[in-house]
Amino acid sequence: MRYIVSMRQVDLRKIDINLLVALDALIEEKNVTRAAHRLGMSQPAASRALGRLRTLFADALLADGPGGYVLSARAEEVRPMLRRMLAGIGEMLEASPFNPATATGQIRLLMPDLQAAVIVPRLLARVAGEAPSLDFDIVAPGANGIEALEDNAADAMVALVDEAPAGIRRRHLYDEELVTLMRAEHPAAAGKLTLDRFLALEHIVVSVPGLGPAPVDEALARLGRRRRVKLRVPNFFAAVEIAARADLVMTLPSSLARTAADMRRFVSLVPPLDLGHFAMSLAWHARHHDSPRHKWLRNTIVAAATEMTAGEL
């Protein structure tokens, strides 16, 4: 890269920043030996650096004077610009500090309503004490959550992330199991929930775009069985409120089922199927990986999720 400076062409590719650091020490010390000590190099190496600087600037920089060196007029002229430039380079290379207590702005998180219900209250409780001026925008990820992270349309996502493309980082948060929930007055609330009894019930299903068939229906398909889906709704809160007032059952993640069970309106039963478990992950784009602000955000989300799972034990 070339710049025109005072009609003289300067090739910045030939300039070693270490030379400018050496120049700063030489100007401040006005002594090659003391500058070498300050720079952690030998006196001959400092002398060679001074020679290269004199060629680069076409100026003596340090001129002979009574009792040692004195600064040349060019060195006096360069001195304040040099200090500003070196300070600017240091500021550029240093990570921007992040102080949660004074941070402002909005953080956009992708999170289905179920995860938002169990994680966000704990997240906000932590943020209230650490970063009171930060605001949050919680949005359902749908089928395009990964694309939103890639397009920098969101800071992070909490969701099922089975596969992450290049550039997407993820961290396991917790495992979810599925339980079957029904209102306490449901005729099937008493007794063991067998598969035949389970299939005789009318079910309510939450249809989440982009997630495909529900795990229950996939497990039943492997057995050659089907359940009666009486109602499909777009989110878990609608399902919970409807199930509290109707003889419909729903099979949902244990974290939300425990929250609903706390209302004493429901009975939670083990499904008569091997549904395994699924892992909830925190995902973000690599562009934010080393950002102090984003590290704080990720640590806070992890702490909130850990608190949530610990509270369920």
Protein backbone atom coordinates (compact mmCIF):
# COMPACT_ATOMS: atom_id res chain seq x y z
CA MET A 1 0.00 0.00 0.00
CA ARG A 2 1.42 3.35 -1.06
CA TYR A 3 0.55 6.81 0.24
CA ILE A 4 1.63 10.20 -1.10
CA VAL A 5 3.10 12.26 1.74
CA SER A 6 4.50 15.72 0.93
CA MET A 7 5.08 14.68 -2.70
CA ARG A 8 7.15 11.67 -1.54
CA GLN A 9 5.78 8.21 -2.14
CA VAL A 10 5.84 6.03 1.01
CA ASP A 11 5.53 2.24 0.73
CA LEU A 12 3.94 1.16 4.01
CA ARG A 13 4.77 -2.48 3.28
CA LYS A 14 8.42 -1.71 3.98
CA ILE A 15 7.74 -0.20 7.40
CA ASP A 16 8.18 -2.43 10.43
CA ILE A 17 6.02 -1.30 13.35
CA ASN A 18 8.82 -2.43 15.68
CA LEU A 19 10.93 0.34 14.18
CA LEU A 20 8.37 2.89 15.25
CA VAL A 21 8.32 1.43 18.76
CA ALA A 22 12.12 1.71 18.76
CA LEU A 23 11.86 5.30 17.56
CA ASP A 24 9.55 6.13 20.46
CA ALA A 25 12.07 4.71 22.95
CA LEU A 26 15.01 6.50 21.29
CA ILE A 27 13.18 9.82 21.29
CA GLU A 28 12.16 9.47 24.93
CA GLU A 29 15.55 8.28 26.21
CA LYS A 30 17.82 10.26 23.82
CA ASN A 31 20.30 7.50 24.52
CA VAL A 32 20.85 4.28 22.54
CA THR A 33 21.91 2.17 25.55
CA ARG A 34 18.96 3.23 27.71
CA ALA A 35 16.55 2.79 24.76
CA ALA A 36 17.93 -0.73 24.19
CA HIS A 37 17.29 -1.59 27.84
CA ARG A 38 13.77 -0.21 27.62
CA LEU A 39 13.11 -2.24 24.48
CA GLY A 40 14.64 -5.43 25.85
CA MET A 41 17.25 -5.65 23.10
CA SER A 42 21.02 -5.37 22.84
CA GLN A 43 22.77 -2.02 22.34
CA PRO A 44 24.02 -3.03 18.84
CA ALA A 45 20.48 -3.97 17.83
CA ALA A 46 19.22 -0.58 19.00
CA SER A 47 22.01 1.11 17.04
CA ARG A 48 21.01 -0.79 13.91
CA ALA A 49 17.38 0.24 14.44
CA LEU A 50 18.48 3.88 14.69
CA GLY A 51 20.36 3.49 11.41
CA ARG A 52 17.29 2.09 9.66
CA LEU A 53 15.14 4.87 11.08
CA ARG A 54 17.55 7.51 9.81
CA THR A 55 17.30 6.00 6.34
CA LEU A 56 13.52 5.78 6.53
CA PHE A 57 13.10 9.40 7.66
CA ALA A 58 16.07 10.75 5.72
CA ASP A 59 17.01 12.57 8.94
CA ALA A 60 19.49 12.09 11.79
CA LEU A 61 16.64 12.09 14.35
CA LEU A 62 19.19 12.00 17.20
CA ALA A 63 21.90 14.61 16.67
CA ASP A 64 25.14 15.02 18.62
CA GLY A 65 24.87 17.57 21.39
CA PRO A 66 26.66 18.59 24.56
CA GLY A 67 26.83 15.50 26.78
CA GLY A 68 24.93 13.20 24.40
CA TYR A 69 22.19 13.19 21.83
CA VAL A 70 19.54 15.86 21.26
CA LEU A 71 16.43 15.56 19.14
CA SER A 72 16.55 16.86 15.61
CA ALA A 73 13.82 19.22 14.44
CA ARG A 74 12.25 16.32 12.52
CA ALA A 75 12.22 14.14 15.65
CA GLU A 76 10.55 16.94 17.61
CA GLU A 77 7.94 17.23 14.88
CA VAL A 78 7.31 13.47 14.76
CA ARG A 79 7.20 12.95 18.53
CA PRO A 80 3.53 13.86 19.27
CA MET A 81 2.23 12.14 16.11
CA LEU A 82 4.19 9.00 16.96
CA ARG A 83 2.71 8.75 20.47
CA ARG A 84 -0.83 9.21 19.15
CA MET A 85 -0.28 6.62 16.43
CA LEU A 86 1.15 3.98 18.77
CA ALA A 87 -1.67 4.61 21.26
CA GLY A 88 -4.19 4.20 18.42
CA ILE A 89 -2.64 0.91 17.32
CA GLY A 90 -2.76 -0.36 20.89
CA GLU A 91 -6.42 0.64 21.18
CA MET A 92 -7.20 -1.00 17.85
CA LEU A 93 -5.60 -4.32 18.87
CA GLU A 94 -7.06 -4.37 22.37
CA ALA A 95 -10.48 -5.99 22.74
CA SER A 96 -13.21 -3.47 23.41
CA PRO A 97 -13.96 -3.56 27.13
CA PHE A 98 -17.44 -4.62 28.18
CA ASN A 99 -18.97 -3.50 31.43
CA PRO A 100 -22.42 -5.05 31.95
CA ALA A 101 -23.31 -2.43 34.57
CA THR A 102 -23.11 0.39 31.99
CA ALA A 103 -23.99 -1.55 28.82
CA THR A 104 -26.97 -0.38 26.76
CA GLY A 105 -28.70 -1.55 23.62
CA GLN A 106 -30.78 -4.56 22.62
CA ILE A 107 -29.89 -8.25 22.47
CA ARG A 108 -31.87 -10.39 20.05
CA LEU A 109 -32.27 -14.05 21.00
CA LEU A 110 -33.90 -16.80 18.99
CA MET A 111 -35.80 -19.13 21.31
CA PRO A 112 -39.01 -21.17 21.03
CA ASP A 113 -41.74 -20.17 23.47
CA LEU A 114 -41.14 -23.29 25.57
CA GLN A 115 -37.49 -22.46 26.20
CA ALA A 116 -38.34 -18.80 26.65
CA ALA A 117 -40.83 -19.74 29.37
CA VAL A 118 -38.32 -21.69 31.44
CA ILE A 119 -35.04 -19.85 30.75
CA VAL A 120 -35.88 -16.18 30.19
CA PRO A 121 -37.29 -15.48 33.69
CA ARG A 122 -34.01 -16.68 35.20
CA LEU A 123 -32.02 -14.84 32.53
CA LEU A 124 -33.80 -11.57 33.29
CA ALA A 125 -33.30 -12.01 37.02
CA ARG A 126 -29.55 -12.19 36.45
CA VAL A 127 -29.51 -9.34 33.95
CA ALA A 128 -31.48 -7.09 36.29
CA GLY A 129 -28.57 -7.09 38.72
CA GLU A 130 -25.68 -7.19 36.26
CA ALA A 131 -26.83 -5.23 33.21
CA PRO A 132 -30.00 -3.27 34.05
CA SER A 133 -29.89 -1.09 30.90
CA LEU A 134 -29.78 -3.95 28.39
CA ASP A 135 -33.02 -4.85 26.60
CA PHE A 136 -33.96 -8.21 25.06
CA ASP A 137 -35.91 -9.19 21.97
CA ILE A 138 -36.96 -12.87 22.09
CA VAL A 139 -38.05 -14.25 18.72
CA ALA A 140 -39.14 -17.76 17.70
CA PRO A 141 -36.43 -19.19 15.42
CA GLY A 142 -38.79 -21.09 13.12
CA ALA A 143 -37.06 -22.97 10.32
CA ASN A 144 -34.48 -20.26 9.60
CA GLY A 145 -32.68 -19.86 12.92
CA ILE A 146 -29.25 -20.83 11.56
CA GLU A 147 -29.67 -18.42 8.63
CA ALA A 148 -30.53 -15.61 11.05
CA LEU A 149 -27.26 -16.25 12.93
CA GLU A 150 -25.33 -16.32 9.66
CA ASP A 151 -26.95 -13.05 8.53
CA ASN A 152 -26.19 -11.40 11.90
CA ALA A 153 -29.92 -10.93 12.45
CA ALA A 154 -29.67 -12.42 15.95
CA ASP A 155 -27.04 -12.65 18.68
CA ALA A 156 -27.66 -16.26 19.71
CA MET A 157 -30.18 -19.08 19.59
CA VAL A 158 -31.42 -21.64 22.11
CA ALA A 159 -32.93 -24.58 20.26
CA LEU A 160 -32.47 -28.11 18.99
CA VAL A 161 -29.35 -27.94 16.83
CA ASP A 162 -28.59 -31.38 15.47
CA GLU A 163 -26.13 -30.19 12.86
CA ALA A 164 -24.26 -26.90 12.73
CA PRO A 165 -22.74 -25.64 9.47
CA ALA A 166 -19.28 -24.09 9.30
CA GLY A 167 -19.18 -20.81 11.17
CA ILE A 168 -21.82 -21.76 13.74
CA ARG A 169 -20.61 -22.58 17.25
CA ARG A 170 -22.76 -24.39 19.78
CA ARG A 171 -22.74 -25.51 23.39
CA HIS A 172 -24.89 -28.12 25.05
CA LEU A 173 -27.21 -26.60 27.65
CA TYR A 174 -29.34 -29.44 28.99
CA ASP A 175 -31.26 -32.57 28.05
CA GLU A 176 -35.02 -32.67 27.86
CA GLU A 177 -37.28 -35.67 28.41
CA LEU A 178 -40.90 -35.89 27.33
CA VAL A 179 -43.82 -36.41 29.72
CA THR A 180 -47.53 -36.67 29.18
CA LEU A 181 -49.64 -33.97 30.80
CA MET A 182 -53.38 -33.92 31.45
CA ARG A 183 -55.65 -31.93 33.70
CA ALA A 184 -56.04 -33.31 37.22
CA GLU A 185 -59.75 -34.03 36.64
CA HIS A 186 -59.13 -36.01 33.43
CA PRO A 187 -60.78 -39.47 33.57
CA ALA A 188 -57.44 -41.08 32.63
CA ALA A 189 -55.46 -39.29 35.33
CA ALA A 190 -55.65 -42.24 37.70
CA GLY A 191 -53.95 -45.53 37.00
CA LYS A 192 -51.13 -46.68 34.76
CA LEU A 193 -50.87 -45.13 31.31
CA THR A 194 -50.52 -48.11 28.95
CA LEU A 195 -49.94 -47.72 25.23
CA ASP A 196 -53.50 -48.80 24.36
CA ARG A 197 -54.90 -46.38 26.91
CA PHE A 198 -52.60 -43.64 25.60
CA LEU A 199 -53.82 -44.20 22.03
CA ALA A 200 -57.46 -44.16 23.13
CA LEU A 201 -57.07 -40.58 24.39
CA GLU A 202 -57.52 -37.42 22.33
CA HIS A 203 -54.28 -35.48 21.95
CA ILE A 204 -53.30 -31.87 21.51
CA VAL A 205 -50.11 -31.24 19.50
CA VAL A 206 -47.94 -28.16 19.19
CA SER A 207 -46.92 -27.62 15.58
CA VAL A 208 -43.54 -25.88 15.49
CA PRO A 209 -42.51 -24.84 11.95
CA GLY A 210 -39.31 -26.45 10.75
CA LEU A 211 -39.19 -29.26 13.34
CA GLY A 212 -41.01 -31.94 11.36
CA PRO A 213 -43.12 -34.68 12.97
CA ALA A 214 -43.42 -34.78 16.74
CA PRO A 215 -41.19 -37.38 18.48
CA VAL A 216 -44.33 -39.17 19.72
CA ASP A 217 -45.65 -39.66 16.19
CA GLU A 218 -42.25 -40.83 14.94
CA ALA A 219 -42.06 -43.41 17.75
CA LEU A 220 -45.60 -44.59 17.08
CA ALA A 221 -44.91 -44.87 13.34
CA ARG A 222 -42.03 -47.25 14.10
CA LEU A 223 -44.56 -49.44 15.95
CA GLY A 224 -47.10 -49.17 13.16
CA ARG A 225 -49.48 -47.23 15.42
CA ARG A 226 -51.12 -43.81 15.32
CA ARG A 227 -52.74 -41.53 17.88
CA ARG A 228 -55.81 -39.34 17.52
CA VAL A 229 -54.71 -35.72 17.25
CA LYS A 230 -57.81 -33.78 18.15
CA LEU A 231 -56.20 -30.35 18.03
CA ARG A 232 -53.06 -28.67 16.73
CA VAL A 233 -51.96 -25.30 18.12
CA PRO A 234 -49.00 -23.02 17.30
CA ASN A 235 -47.41 -22.75 20.75
CA PHE A 236 -47.04 -24.49 24.08
CA PHE A 237 -48.83 -21.88 26.17
CA ALA A 238 -51.98 -22.25 24.13
CA ALA A 239 -51.72 -26.02 24.49
CA VAL A 240 -51.28 -25.84 28.26
CA GLU A 241 -54.23 -23.51 28.77
CA ILE A 242 -56.48 -25.60 26.54
CA ALA A 243 -55.39 -28.87 28.19
CA ALA A 244 -56.23 -27.35 31.58
CA ARG A 245 -59.86 -26.97 30.52
CA ALA A 246 -60.47 -29.92 28.19
CA ASP A 247 -60.05 -33.68 28.23
CA LEU A 248 -57.10 -33.51 25.86
CA VAL A 249 -53.64 -34.77 26.72
CA MET A 250 -50.34 -33.43 25.54
CA THR A 251 -46.82 -34.83 25.55
CA LEU A 252 -44.27 -32.10 26.04
CA PRO A 253 -40.78 -31.43 27.43
CA SER A 254 -40.39 -32.04 31.14
CA SER A 255 -39.13 -28.52 31.91
CA LEU A 256 -42.41 -26.92 30.88
CA ALA A 257 -44.48 -29.79 32.28
CA ARG A 258 -42.95 -29.19 35.72
CA THR A 259 -43.76 -25.51 35.45
CA ALA A 260 -47.35 -26.31 34.56
CA ALA A 261 -47.57 -28.99 37.25
CA ASP A 262 -46.64 -26.34 39.82
CA MET A 263 -50.03 -24.78 39.09
CA ARG A 264 -51.65 -27.92 40.53
CA ARG A 265 -53.95 -28.13 37.56
CA PHE A 266 -52.25 -31.10 35.93
CA VAL A 267 -51.07 -34.65 36.37
CA SER A 268 -47.75 -35.61 34.79
CA LEU A 269 -47.31 -39.23 33.62
CA VAL A 270 -44.52 -41.18 31.96
CA PRO A 271 -45.39 -41.84 28.29
CA PRO A 272 -45.82 -45.54 27.39
CA LEU A 273 -43.19 -45.14 24.66
CA ASP A 274 -39.42 -44.99 24.53
CA LEU A 275 -39.04 -41.35 23.44
CA GLY A 276 -35.44 -40.94 24.58
CA HIS A 277 -34.32 -37.38 25.20
CA PHE A 278 -33.24 -34.43 23.13
CA ALA A 279 -30.47 -31.94 23.70
CA MET A 280 -31.02 -28.20 23.89
CA SER A 281 -28.09 -26.16 22.65
CA LEU A 282 -26.91 -22.58 22.66
CA ALA A 283 -25.75 -21.58 19.18
CA TRP A 284 -23.98 -18.47 17.90
CA HIS A 285 -21.91 -17.33 14.94
CA ALA A 286 -18.13 -17.50 15.05
CA ARG A 287 -17.94 -13.75 14.34
CA HIS A 288 -19.06 -13.16 17.94
CA HIS A 289 -17.03 -15.90 19.59
CA ASP A 290 -14.29 -13.68 21.06
CA SER A 291 -16.43 -10.60 21.72
CA PRO A 292 -16.36 -9.70 25.46
CA ARG A 293 -20.01 -8.62 25.24
CA HIS A 294 -21.02 -11.91 23.65
CA LYS A 295 -18.96 -14.00 26.08
CA TRP A 296 -20.84 -12.34 28.92
CA LEU A 297 -24.15 -13.04 27.17
CA ARG A 298 -23.34 -16.72 26.60
CA ASN A 299 -22.14 -17.21 30.17
CA THR A 300 -25.32 -15.59 31.48
CA ILE A 301 -27.56 -17.82 29.34
CA VAL A 302 -25.65 -20.92 30.44
CA ALA A 303 -25.98 -19.88 34.08
CA ALA A 304 -29.74 -19.35 33.69
CA ALA A 305 -30.16 -22.76 32.02
CA THR A 306 -28.05 -24.43 34.72
CA GLU A 307 -30.19 -22.82 37.42
CA MET A 308 -33.33 -24.01 35.66
CA THR A 309 -32.18 -27.64 35.43
CA ALA A 310 -30.85 -27.62 39.01
CA GLY A 311 -34.25 -26.44 40.20
CA GLU A 312 -35.88 -29.46 38.60
CA LEU A 313 -33.78 -32.04 40.47
